[in-house]
PDB file of N, CA and C in Angstrom:
ATOM      1  N   MET A   1      95.394  90.996 117.562  1.00  0.00           N
ATOM      2  CA  MET A   1      93.905  91.096 117.601  1.00  0.00           C
ATOM      3  C   MET A   1      93.191  90.294 116.764  1.00  0.00           C
ATOM      4  N   LYS A   2      92.132  89.395 116.913  1.00  0.00           N
ATOM      5  CA  LYS A   2      91.310  88.481 115.937  1.00  0.00           C
ATOM      6  C   LYS A   2      90.236  89.419 115.500  1.00  0.00           C
ATOM      7  N   TYR A   3      89.996  89.595 114.214  1.00  0.00           N
ATOM      8  CA  TYR A   3      89.014  90.057 113.544  1.00  0.00           C
ATOM      9  C   TYR A   3      88.037  89.248 112.957  1.00  0.00           C
ATOM     10  N   GLU A   4      86.707  89.153 112.749  1.00  0.00           N
ATOM     11  CA  GLU A   4      85.720  88.691 112.148  1.00  0.00           C
ATOM     12  C   GLU A   4      85.816  89.259 110.982  1.00  0.00           C
ATOM     13  N   VAL A   5      86.281  88.801 109.906  1.00  0.00           N
ATOM     14  CA  VAL A   5      86.653  89.357 108.594  1.00  0.00           C
ATOM     15  C   VAL A   5      85.386  88.291 107.454  1.00  0.00           C
ATOM     16  N   THR A   6      84.768  89.248 106.813  1.00  0.00           N
ATOM     17  CA  THR A   6      83.786  88.442 105.547  1.00  0.00           C
ATOM     18  C   THR A   6      84.400  89.020 104.196  1.00  0.00           C
ATOM     19  N   TYR A   7      84.325  88.252 103.340  1.00  0.00           N
ATOM     20  CA  TYR A   7      84.892  88.415 101.951  1.00  0.00           C
ATOM     21  C   TYR A   7      83.792  88.029 100.999  1.00  0.00           C
ATOM     22  N   SER A   8      83.748  89.350 100.044  1.00  0.00           N
ATOM     23  CA  SER A   8      82.702  88.874  99.049  1.00  0.00           C
ATOM     24  C   SER A   8      83.137  89.649  97.632  1.00  0.00           C
ATOM     25  N   LEU A   9      82.568  89.182  96.844  1.00  0.00           N
ATOM     26  CA  LEU A   9      82.775  89.397  95.436  1.00  0.00           C
ATOM     27  C   LEU A   9      82.087  90.772  95.284  1.00  0.00           C
ATOM     28  N   CYS A  10      82.840  91.782  94.699  1.00  0.00           N
ATOM     29  CA  CYS A  10      82.136  93.134  94.368  1.00  0.00           C
ATOM     30  C   CYS A  10      81.129  92.822  93.339  1.00  0.00           C
ATOM     31  N   PRO A  11      80.080  93.967  93.520  1.00  0.00           N
ATOM     32  CA  PRO A  11      79.001  93.816  92.524  1.00  0.00           C
ATOM     33  C   PRO A  11      79.481  93.724  91.003  1.00  0.00           C
ATOM     34  N   ASP A  12      80.386  94.440  90.537  1.00  0.00           N
ATOM     35  CA  ASP A  12      80.737  94.417  89.250  1.00  0.00           C
ATOM     36  C   ASP A  12      81.917  93.298  88.909  1.00  0.00           C
ATOM     37  N   GLY A  13      81.887  92.308  89.875  1.00  0.00           N
ATOM     38  CA  GLY A  13      82.635  91.305  89.575  1.00  0.00           C
ATOM     39  C   GLY A  13      84.140  91.437  89.210  1.00  0.00           C
ATOM     40  N   LEU A  14      84.761  92.564  89.693  1.00  0.00           N
ATOM     41  CA  LEU A  14      85.959  92.672  89.283  1.00  0.00           C
ATOM     42  C   LEU A  14      86.788  92.950  90.469  1.00  0.00           C
ATOM     43  N   GLY A  15      86.842  92.290  91.693  1.00  0.00           N
ATOM     44  CA  GLY A  15      87.257  92.419  93.148  1.00  0.00           C
ATOM     45  C   GLY A  15      86.455  91.677  94.204  1.00  0.00           C
ATOM     46  N   PHE A  16      87.356  91.898  95.315  1.00  0.00           N
ATOM     47  CA  PHE A  16      86.675  91.557  96.435  1.00  0.00           C
ATOM     48  C   PHE A  16      86.578  92.361  97.579  1.00  0.00           C
ATOM     49  N   TYR A  17      85.741  92.710  98.324  1.00  0.00           N
ATOM     50  CA  TYR A  17      85.664  93.424  99.503  1.00  0.00           C
ATOM     51  C   TYR A  17      86.167  92.649 100.775  1.00  0.00           C
ATOM     52  N   ALA A  18      86.709  93.120 101.961  1.00  0.00           N
ATOM     53  CA  ALA A  18      86.694  92.584 103.052  1.00  0.00           C
ATOM     54  C   ALA A  18      85.759  93.515 103.957  1.00  0.00           C
ATOM     55  N   ASP A  19      85.257  92.809 104.659  1.00  0.00           N
ATOM     56  CA  ASP A  19      84.211  93.720 105.737  1.00  0.00           C
ATOM     57  C   ASP A  19      84.303  93.279 107.163  1.00  0.00           C
ATOM     58  N   CYS A  20      84.299  94.059 108.061  1.00  0.00           N
ATOM     59  CA  CYS A  20      84.753  93.618 109.361  1.00  0.00           C
ATOM     60  C   CYS A  20      83.557  94.629 110.176  1.00  0.00           C
ATOM     61  N   ASP A  21      82.629  94.241 111.061  1.00  0.00           N
ATOM     62  CA  ASP A  21      81.778  95.092 112.025  1.00  0.00           C
ATOM     63  C   ASP A  21      81.106  96.057 110.898  1.00  0.00           C
ATOM     64  N   GLY A  22      80.493  95.234 109.723  1.00  0.00           N
ATOM     65  CA  GLY A  22      79.784  96.199 108.887  1.00  0.00           C
ATOM     66  C   GLY A  22      80.293  97.251 107.859  1.00  0.00           C
ATOM     67  N   LYS A  23      81.757  97.341 108.070  1.00  0.00           N
ATOM     68  CA  LYS A  23      82.355  97.942 107.212  1.00  0.00           C
ATOM     69  C   LYS A  23      83.643  97.764 106.336  1.00  0.00           C
ATOM     70  N   HIS A  24      83.507  98.398 105.364  1.00  0.00           N
ATOM     71  CA  HIS A  24      84.724  97.915 104.003  1.00  0.00           C
ATOM     72  C   HIS A  24      86.079  98.070 104.879  1.00  0.00           C
ATOM     73  N   VAL A  25      86.893  97.110 105.003  1.00  0.00           N
ATOM     74  CA  VAL A  25      88.301  97.342 105.829  1.00  0.00           C
ATOM     75  C   VAL A  25      89.253  97.101 104.898  1.00  0.00           C
ATOM     76  N   GLY A  26      88.956  96.463 103.237  1.00  0.00           N
ATOM     77  CA  GLY A  26      89.911  96.101 102.496  1.00  0.00           C
ATOM     78  C   GLY A  26      89.118  95.919 101.087  1.00  0.00           C
ATOM     79  N   LYS A  27      90.039  95.740  99.863  1.00  0.00           N
ATOM     80  CA  LYS A  27      89.258  95.496  98.667  1.00  0.00           C
ATOM     81  C   LYS A  27      90.967  95.473  97.756  1.00  0.00           C
ATOM     82  N   ILE A  28      90.364  94.326  96.927  1.00  0.00           N
ATOM     83  CA  ILE A  28      91.192  94.122  95.772  1.00  0.00           C
ATOM     84  C   ILE A  28      90.588  94.082  94.712  1.00  0.00           C
ATOM     85  N   THR A  29      91.338  94.805  93.597  1.00  0.00           N
ATOM     86  CA  THR A  29      90.535  95.026  92.177  1.00  0.00           C
ATOM     87  C   THR A  29      91.517  94.182  91.241  1.00  0.00           C
ATOM     88  N   PHE A  30      90.870  93.557  90.397  1.00  0.00           N
ATOM     89  CA  PHE A  30      91.380  93.159  89.130  1.00  0.00           C
ATOM     90  C   PHE A  30      90.733  93.407  88.034  1.00  0.00           C
ATOM     91  N   VAL A  31      91.415  93.298  86.599  1.00  0.00           N
ATOM     92  CA  VAL A  31      90.576  93.503  85.268  1.00  0.00           C
ATOM     93  C   VAL A  31      90.733  92.044  84.700  1.00  0.00           C
ATOM     94  N   ARG A  32      89.929  91.687  83.642  1.00  0.00           N
ATOM     95  CA  ARG A  32      90.162  90.474  82.858  1.00  0.00           C
ATOM     96  C   ARG A  32      90.666  90.564  81.779  1.00  0.00           C
ATOM     97  N   VAL A  33      91.617  90.189  81.410  1.00  0.00           N
ATOM     98  CA  VAL A  33      92.575  90.192  79.777  1.00  0.00           C
ATOM     99  C   VAL A  33      92.441  88.829  79.300  1.00  0.00           C
ATOM    100  N   GLY A  34      91.583  88.906  77.967  1.00  0.00           N
ATOM    101  CA  GLY A  34      91.300  87.956  76.958  1.00  0.00           C
ATOM    102  C   GLY A  34      90.252  87.096  77.935  1.00  0.00           C
ATOM    103  N   ILE A  35      90.666  85.616  77.435  1.00  0.00           N
ATOM    104  CA  ILE A  35      89.430  84.695  78.005  1.00  0.00           C
ATOM    105  C   ILE A  35      89.967  83.982  79.202  1.00  0.00           C
ATOM    106  N   ASP A  36      91.730  84.301  79.409  1.00  0.00           N
ATOM    107  CA  ASP A  36      92.514  83.201  80.465  1.00  0.00           C
ATOM    108  C   ASP A  36      93.244  84.091  81.502  1.00  0.00           C
ATOM    109  N   LYS A  37      93.140  85.329  81.529  1.00  0.00           N
ATOM    110  CA  LYS A  37      94.105  86.088  82.448  1.00  0.00           C
ATOM    111  C   LYS A  37      93.280  87.180  83.134  1.00  0.00           C
ATOM    112  N   LEU A  38      93.858  87.434  84.548  1.00  0.00           N
ATOM    113  CA  LEU A  38      93.257  88.433  85.335  1.00  0.00           C
ATOM    114  C   LEU A  38      94.562  89.101  85.531  1.00  0.00           C
ATOM    115  N   ILE A  39      94.385  90.580  85.991  1.00  0.00           N
ATOM    116  CA  ILE A  39      95.399  91.417  86.433  1.00  0.00           C
ATOM    117  C   ILE A  39      95.206  91.839  87.545  1.00  0.00           C
ATOM    118  N   ILE A  40      96.034  91.668  88.643  1.00  0.00           N
ATOM    119  CA  ILE A  40      95.575  92.047  89.765  1.00  0.00           C
ATOM    120  C   ILE A  40      96.357  93.814  89.721  1.00  0.00           C
ATOM    121  N   ASP A  41      95.251  94.660  89.879  1.00  0.00           N
ATOM    122  CA  ASP A  41      95.830  96.341  89.794  1.00  0.00           C
ATOM    123  C   ASP A  41      95.975  96.835  91.225  1.00  0.00           C
ATOM    124  N   HIS A  42      95.430  96.392  91.892  1.00  0.00           N
ATOM    125  CA  HIS A  42      94.974  97.149  93.207  1.00  0.00           C
ATOM    126  C   HIS A  42      94.488  96.367  94.447  1.00  0.00           C
ATOM    127  N   THR A  43      95.358  97.031  95.699  1.00  0.00           N
ATOM    128  CA  THR A  43      94.832  95.826  96.845  1.00  0.00           C
ATOM    129  C   THR A  43      95.066  97.192  98.006  1.00  0.00           C
ATOM    130  N   ASP A  44      94.074  97.255  98.901  1.00  0.00           N
ATOM    131  CA  ASP A  44      94.167  98.193  99.785  1.00  0.00           C
ATOM    132  C   ASP A  44      93.435  97.627 101.224  1.00  0.00           C
ATOM    133  N   VAL A  45      93.966  97.911 102.024  1.00  0.00           N
ATOM    134  CA  VAL A  45      93.639  97.699 103.543  1.00  0.00           C
ATOM    135  C   VAL A  45      93.908  98.827 104.504  1.00  0.00           C
ATOM    136  N   SER A  46      92.680  99.070 105.301  1.00  0.00           N
ATOM    137  CA  SER A  46      92.380 100.334 106.112  1.00  0.00           C
ATOM    138  C   SER A  46      93.390 100.059 107.172  1.00  0.00           C
ATOM    139  N   GLU A  47      94.157 100.963 107.758  1.00  0.00           N
ATOM    140  CA  GLU A  47      95.540 101.122 108.351  1.00  0.00           C
ATOM    141  C   GLU A  47      95.459 100.299 109.584  1.00  0.00           C
ATOM    142  N   GLY A  48      94.129 100.323 110.336  1.00  0.00           N
ATOM    143  CA  GLY A  48      94.135  99.758 111.758  1.00  0.00           C
ATOM    144  C   GLY A  48      94.092  97.930 111.334  1.00  0.00           C
ATOM    145  N   TYR A  49      93.827  97.676 110.026  1.00  0.00           N
ATOM    146  CA  TYR A  49      93.824  95.778 110.009  1.00  0.00           C
ATOM    147  C   TYR A  49      95.049  95.479 109.205  1.00  0.00           C
ATOM    148  N   ARG A  50      95.923  96.288 109.167  1.00  0.00           N
ATOM    149  CA  ARG A  50      97.244  95.792 107.703  1.00  0.00           C
ATOM    150  C   ARG A  50      97.717  94.531 108.363  1.00  0.00           C
ATOM    151  N   ARG A  51      97.718  94.443 110.051  1.00  0.00           N
ATOM    152  CA  ARG A  51      98.495  93.271 110.499  1.00  0.00           C
ATOM    153  C   ARG A  51      97.751  91.959 110.626  1.00  0.00           C
ATOM    154  N   ALA A  52      96.385  92.337 109.930  1.00  0.00           N
ATOM    155  CA  ALA A  52      95.597  90.900 110.209  1.00  0.00           C
ATOM    156  C   ALA A  52      95.524  89.903 109.022  1.00  0.00           C
ATOM    157  N   HIS A  53      96.524  90.151 108.308  1.00  0.00           N
ATOM    158  CA  HIS A  53      96.445  89.204 107.134  1.00  0.00           C
ATOM    159  C   HIS A  53      95.303  89.319 106.030  1.00  0.00           C
ATOM    160  N   ILE A  54      94.751  90.560 106.324  1.00  0.00           N
ATOM    161  CA  ILE A  54      93.484  90.823 105.355  1.00  0.00           C
ATOM    162  C   ILE A  54      94.012  90.902 103.776  1.00  0.00           C
ATOM    163  N   GLY A  55      95.103  91.729 103.467  1.00  0.00           N
ATOM    164  CA  GLY A  55      95.471  91.829 102.143  1.00  0.00           C
ATOM    165  C   GLY A  55      96.047  90.294 101.714  1.00  0.00           C
ATOM    166  N   LEU A  56      96.637  89.556 102.219  1.00  0.00           N
ATOM    167  CA  LEU A  56      97.016  88.207 101.950  1.00  0.00           C
ATOM    168  C   LEU A  56      95.519  87.566 101.664  1.00  0.00           C
ATOM    169  N   ASP A  57      94.454  87.610 102.545  1.00  0.00           N
ATOM    170  CA  ASP A  57      93.315  86.670 102.172  1.00  0.00           C
ATOM    171  C   ASP A  57      92.541  87.426 101.206  1.00  0.00           C
ATOM    172  N   LEU A  58      92.817  88.618 100.862  1.00  0.00           N
ATOM    173  CA  LEU A  58      92.099  89.320  99.373  1.00  0.00           C
ATOM    174  C   LEU A  58      92.708  88.474  98.278  1.00  0.00           C
ATOM    175  N   VAL A  59      94.016  88.696  98.436  1.00  0.00           N
ATOM    176  CA  VAL A  59      94.817  87.797  97.210  1.00  0.00           C
ATOM    177  C   VAL A  59      94.343  86.557  97.064  1.00  0.00           C
ATOM    178  N   ARG A  60      94.158  85.648  98.275  1.00  0.00           N
ATOM    179  CA  ARG A  60      93.896  84.407  98.255  1.00  0.00           C
ATOM    180  C   ARG A  60      92.430  83.952  97.812  1.00  0.00           C
ATOM    181  N   HIS A  61      91.487  85.144  97.947  1.00  0.00           N
ATOM    182  CA  HIS A  61      90.122  85.100  97.287  1.00  0.00           C
ATOM    183  C   HIS A  61      90.356  85.406  95.380  1.00  0.00           C
ATOM    184  N   VAL A  62      91.136  86.125  95.099  1.00  0.00           N
ATOM    185  CA  VAL A  62      91.326  86.158  93.809  1.00  0.00           C
ATOM    186  C   VAL A  62      91.735  84.949  93.263  1.00  0.00           C
ATOM    187  N   ALA A  63      92.617  84.205  93.966  1.00  0.00           N
ATOM    188  CA  ALA A  63      93.421  83.023  93.293  1.00  0.00           C
ATOM    189  C   ALA A  63      92.509  81.932  93.081  1.00  0.00           C
ATOM    190  N   ASP A  64      91.850  81.805  94.456  1.00  0.00           N
ATOM    191  CA  ASP A  64      90.681  80.882  94.190  1.00  0.00           C
ATOM    192  C   ASP A  64      89.410  81.515  92.982  1.00  0.00           C
ATOM    193  N   PHE A  65      89.485  82.340  92.894  1.00  0.00           N
ATOM    194  CA  PHE A  65      88.373  82.757  91.474  1.00  0.00           C
ATOM    195  C   PHE A  65      89.064  82.272  90.567  1.00  0.00           C
ATOM    196  N   ALA A  66      90.246  82.429  90.331  1.00  0.00           N
ATOM    197  CA  ALA A  66      90.949  82.453  88.913  1.00  0.00           C
ATOM    198  C   ALA A  66      91.043  80.890  88.584  1.00  0.00           C
ATOM    199  N   ARG A  67      91.180  80.072  89.931  1.00  0.00           N
ATOM    200  CA  ARG A  67      91.549  78.802  89.576  1.00  0.00           C
ATOM    201  C   ARG A  67      89.923  78.075  89.253  1.00  0.00           C
ATOM    202  N   LYS A  68      89.406  78.505  89.783  1.00  0.00           N
ATOM    203  CA  LYS A  68      87.845  78.217  89.380  1.00  0.00           C
ATOM    204  C   LYS A  68      87.382  78.788  87.914  1.00  0.00           C
ATOM    205  N   ASN A  69      87.912  79.877  87.508  1.00  0.00           N
ATOM    206  CA  ASN A  69      87.793  79.951  86.216  1.00  0.00           C
ATOM    207  C   ASN A  69      88.546  79.829  85.180  1.00  0.00           C
ATOM    208  N   ASN A  70      89.828  78.941  85.627  1.00  0.00           N
ATOM    209  CA  ASN A  70      90.656  78.532  84.668  1.00  0.00           C
ATOM    210  C   ASN A  70      91.518  79.814  84.207  1.00  0.00           C
ATOM    211  N   ARG A  71      92.020  80.600  84.700  1.00  0.00           N
ATOM    212  CA  ARG A  71      92.645  81.846  84.290  1.00  0.00           C
ATOM    213  C   ARG A  71      93.557  82.074  85.099  1.00  0.00           C
ATOM    214  N   LYS A  72      94.763  82.270  84.513  1.00  0.00           N
ATOM    215  CA  LYS A  72      96.243  82.965  85.281  1.00  0.00           C
ATOM    216  C   LYS A  72      96.102  84.295  85.662  1.00  0.00           C
ATOM    217  N   ILE A  73      97.155  84.513  86.691  1.00  0.00           N
ATOM    218  CA  ILE A  73      97.271  85.915  87.103  1.00  0.00           C
ATOM    219  C   ILE A  73      98.274  86.553  86.923  1.00  0.00           C
ATOM    220  N   ILE A  74      98.400  87.861  86.736  1.00  0.00           N
ATOM    221  CA  ILE A  74      99.395  88.595  86.293  1.00  0.00           C
ATOM    222  C   ILE A  74      99.237  89.851  87.588  1.00  0.00           C
ATOM    223  N   THR A  75     100.304  89.950  88.298  1.00  0.00           N
ATOM    224  CA  THR A  75     100.270  91.005  89.198  1.00  0.00           C
ATOM    225  C   THR A  75     101.063  92.423  89.066  1.00  0.00           C
ATOM    226  N   MET A  76      99.894  93.536  88.998  1.00  0.00           N
ATOM    227  CA  MET A  76     100.726  94.751  88.664  1.00  0.00           C
ATOM    228  C   MET A  76     100.728  95.627  89.760  1.00  0.00           C
ATOM    229  N   CYS A  77      99.823  95.116  91.102  1.00  0.00           N
ATOM    230  CA  CYS A  77      99.717  95.681  92.252  1.00  0.00           C
ATOM    231  C   CYS A  77     101.121  95.424  93.312  1.00  0.00           C
ATOM    232  N   PRO A  78     101.725  96.128  93.729  1.00  0.00           N
ATOM    233  CA  PRO A  78     103.216  95.853  94.560  1.00  0.00           C
ATOM    234  C   PRO A  78     102.647  95.055  95.399  1.00  0.00           C
ATOM    235  N   PHE A  79     101.535  95.035  96.031  1.00  0.00           N
ATOM    236  CA  PHE A  79     101.598  93.786  97.361  1.00  0.00           C
ATOM    237  C   PHE A  79     101.009  92.644  96.716  1.00  0.00           C
ATOM    238  N   ALA A  80     100.247  92.438  96.025  1.00  0.00           N
ATOM    239  CA  ALA A  80      99.936  91.139  95.319  1.00  0.00           C
ATOM    240  C   ALA A  80     101.375  90.567  94.640  1.00  0.00           C
ATOM    241  N   LYS A  81     102.051  91.311  94.040  1.00  0.00           N
ATOM    242  CA  LYS A  81     103.384  90.693  93.358  1.00  0.00           C
ATOM    243  C   LYS A  81     104.371  90.342  94.844  1.00  0.00           C
ATOM    244  N   ALA A  82     103.948  91.092  95.449  1.00  0.00           N
ATOM    245  CA  ALA A  82     104.904  90.356  96.997  1.00  0.00           C
ATOM    246  C   ALA A  82     104.489  89.280  97.465  1.00  0.00           C
ATOM    247  N   MET A  83     103.052  89.102  97.825  1.00  0.00           N
ATOM    248  CA  MET A  83     102.808  88.096  98.046  1.00  0.00           C
ATOM    249  C   MET A  83     102.699  86.596  97.342  1.00  0.00           C
ATOM    250  N   PHE A  84     102.884  86.926  95.716  1.00  0.00           N
ATOM    251  CA  PHE A  84     103.198  85.975  94.929  1.00  0.00           C
ATOM    252  C   PHE A  84     104.724  85.624  94.762  1.00  0.00           C
ATOM    253  N   SER A  85     105.211  86.267  95.280  1.00  0.00           N
ATOM    254  CA  SER A  85     106.828  86.125  95.334  1.00  0.00           C
ATOM    255  C   SER A  85     107.045  85.254  96.572  1.00  0.00           C
ATOM    256  N   LYS A  86     106.447  85.594  97.660  1.00  0.00           N
ATOM    257  CA  LYS A  86     106.416  85.000  98.822  1.00  0.00           C
ATOM    258  C   LYS A  86     105.963  83.694  99.403  1.00  0.00           C
ATOM    259  N   TYR A  87     104.759  83.508  98.604  1.00  0.00           N
ATOM    260  CA  TYR A  87     104.023  82.107  98.829  1.00  0.00           C
ATOM    261  C   TYR A  87     104.101  81.368  97.646  1.00  0.00           C
ATOM    262  N   PRO A  88     104.624  80.196  97.681  1.00  0.00           N
ATOM    263  CA  PRO A  88     104.449  78.932  96.443  1.00  0.00           C
ATOM    264  C   PRO A  88     103.156  78.659  96.423  1.00  0.00           C
ATOM    265  N   GLU A  89     101.946  78.867  96.944  1.00  0.00           N
ATOM    266  CA  GLU A  89     100.657  78.631  96.603  1.00  0.00           C
ATOM    267  C   GLU A  89      99.834  79.057  95.569  1.00  0.00           C
ATOM    268  N   PHE A  90     100.561  80.157  94.807  1.00  0.00           N
ATOM    269  CA  PHE A  90     100.362  80.953  93.662  1.00  0.00           C
ATOM    270  C   PHE A  90     100.977  80.320  92.648  1.00  0.00           C
ATOM    271  N   ASP A  91     102.169  79.484  92.957  1.00  0.00           N
ATOM    272  CA  ASP A  91     102.743  79.114  91.544  1.00  0.00           C
ATOM    273  C   ASP A  91     101.871  78.547  90.467  1.00  0.00           C
ATOM    274  N   ASP A  92     100.680  77.906  90.655  1.00  0.00           N
ATOM    275  CA  ASP A  92      99.867  77.226  89.679  1.00  0.00           C
ATOM    276  C   ASP A  92      99.118  78.153  88.999  1.00  0.00           C
ATOM    277  N   ILE A  93      98.928  79.504  89.501  1.00  0.00           N
ATOM    278  CA  ILE A  93      97.965  80.204  88.765  1.00  0.00           C
ATOM    279  C   ILE A  93      98.537  81.364  88.373  1.00  0.00           C
ATOM    280  N   ARG A  94     100.156  81.708  88.501  1.00  0.00           N
ATOM    281  CA  ARG A  94     100.991  82.672  88.209  1.00  0.00           C
ATOM    282  C   ARG A  94     101.084  82.539  86.430  1.00  0.00           C
ATOM    283  N   PHE A  95     101.097  83.659  85.963  1.00  0.00           N
ATOM    284  CA  PHE A  95     101.086  83.956  84.239  1.00  0.00           C
ATOM    285  C   PHE A  95     102.432  83.697  83.941  1.00  0.00           C
ATOM    286  N   MET A  96     103.321  84.239  84.586  1.00  0.00           N
ATOM    287  CA  MET A  96     105.009  83.807  84.370  1.00  0.00           C
ATOM    288  C   MET A  96     105.513  83.277  85.499  1.00  0.00           C
ATOM    289  N   HIS A  97     106.338  82.320  85.558  1.00  0.00           N
ATOM    290  CA  HIS A  97     106.841  81.735  86.768  1.00  0.00           C
ATOM    291  C   HIS A  97     108.035  82.214  87.172  1.00  0.00           C
ATOM    292  N   VAL A  98     108.233  83.446  87.120  1.00  0.00           N
ATOM    293  CA  VAL A  98     109.239  84.304  87.839  1.00  0.00           C
ATOM    294  C   VAL A  98     109.202  84.747  89.203  1.00  0.00           C
ATOM    295  N   ARG A  99     109.722  84.544  90.112  1.00  0.00           N
ATOM    296  CA  ARG A  99     110.323  84.880  91.570  1.00  0.00           C
ATOM    297  C   ARG A  99     111.020  85.758  91.564  1.00  0.00           C
TER     298      ARG A  99
END
């Protein structure tokens, strides 16, 4: 099934929401460490939306945010860690290049 999903920076600037049909269906959060790193600490997607690649798109939004702000990413969240291991598109912002 194809969903119309929009992504927006959380009001506190420490994550992104995924919204579909006016409701939050996913969220990713991170913390800023020093002047050059982010730690992704949590990713959550509502049960009915998990096969729609929303989690991966949330990780991609944080990756784009990191690139624009010259930061590297540390993945503490198991889902984000798995996406960083699976997709080489994240190699440029990975804090430690270990797969």
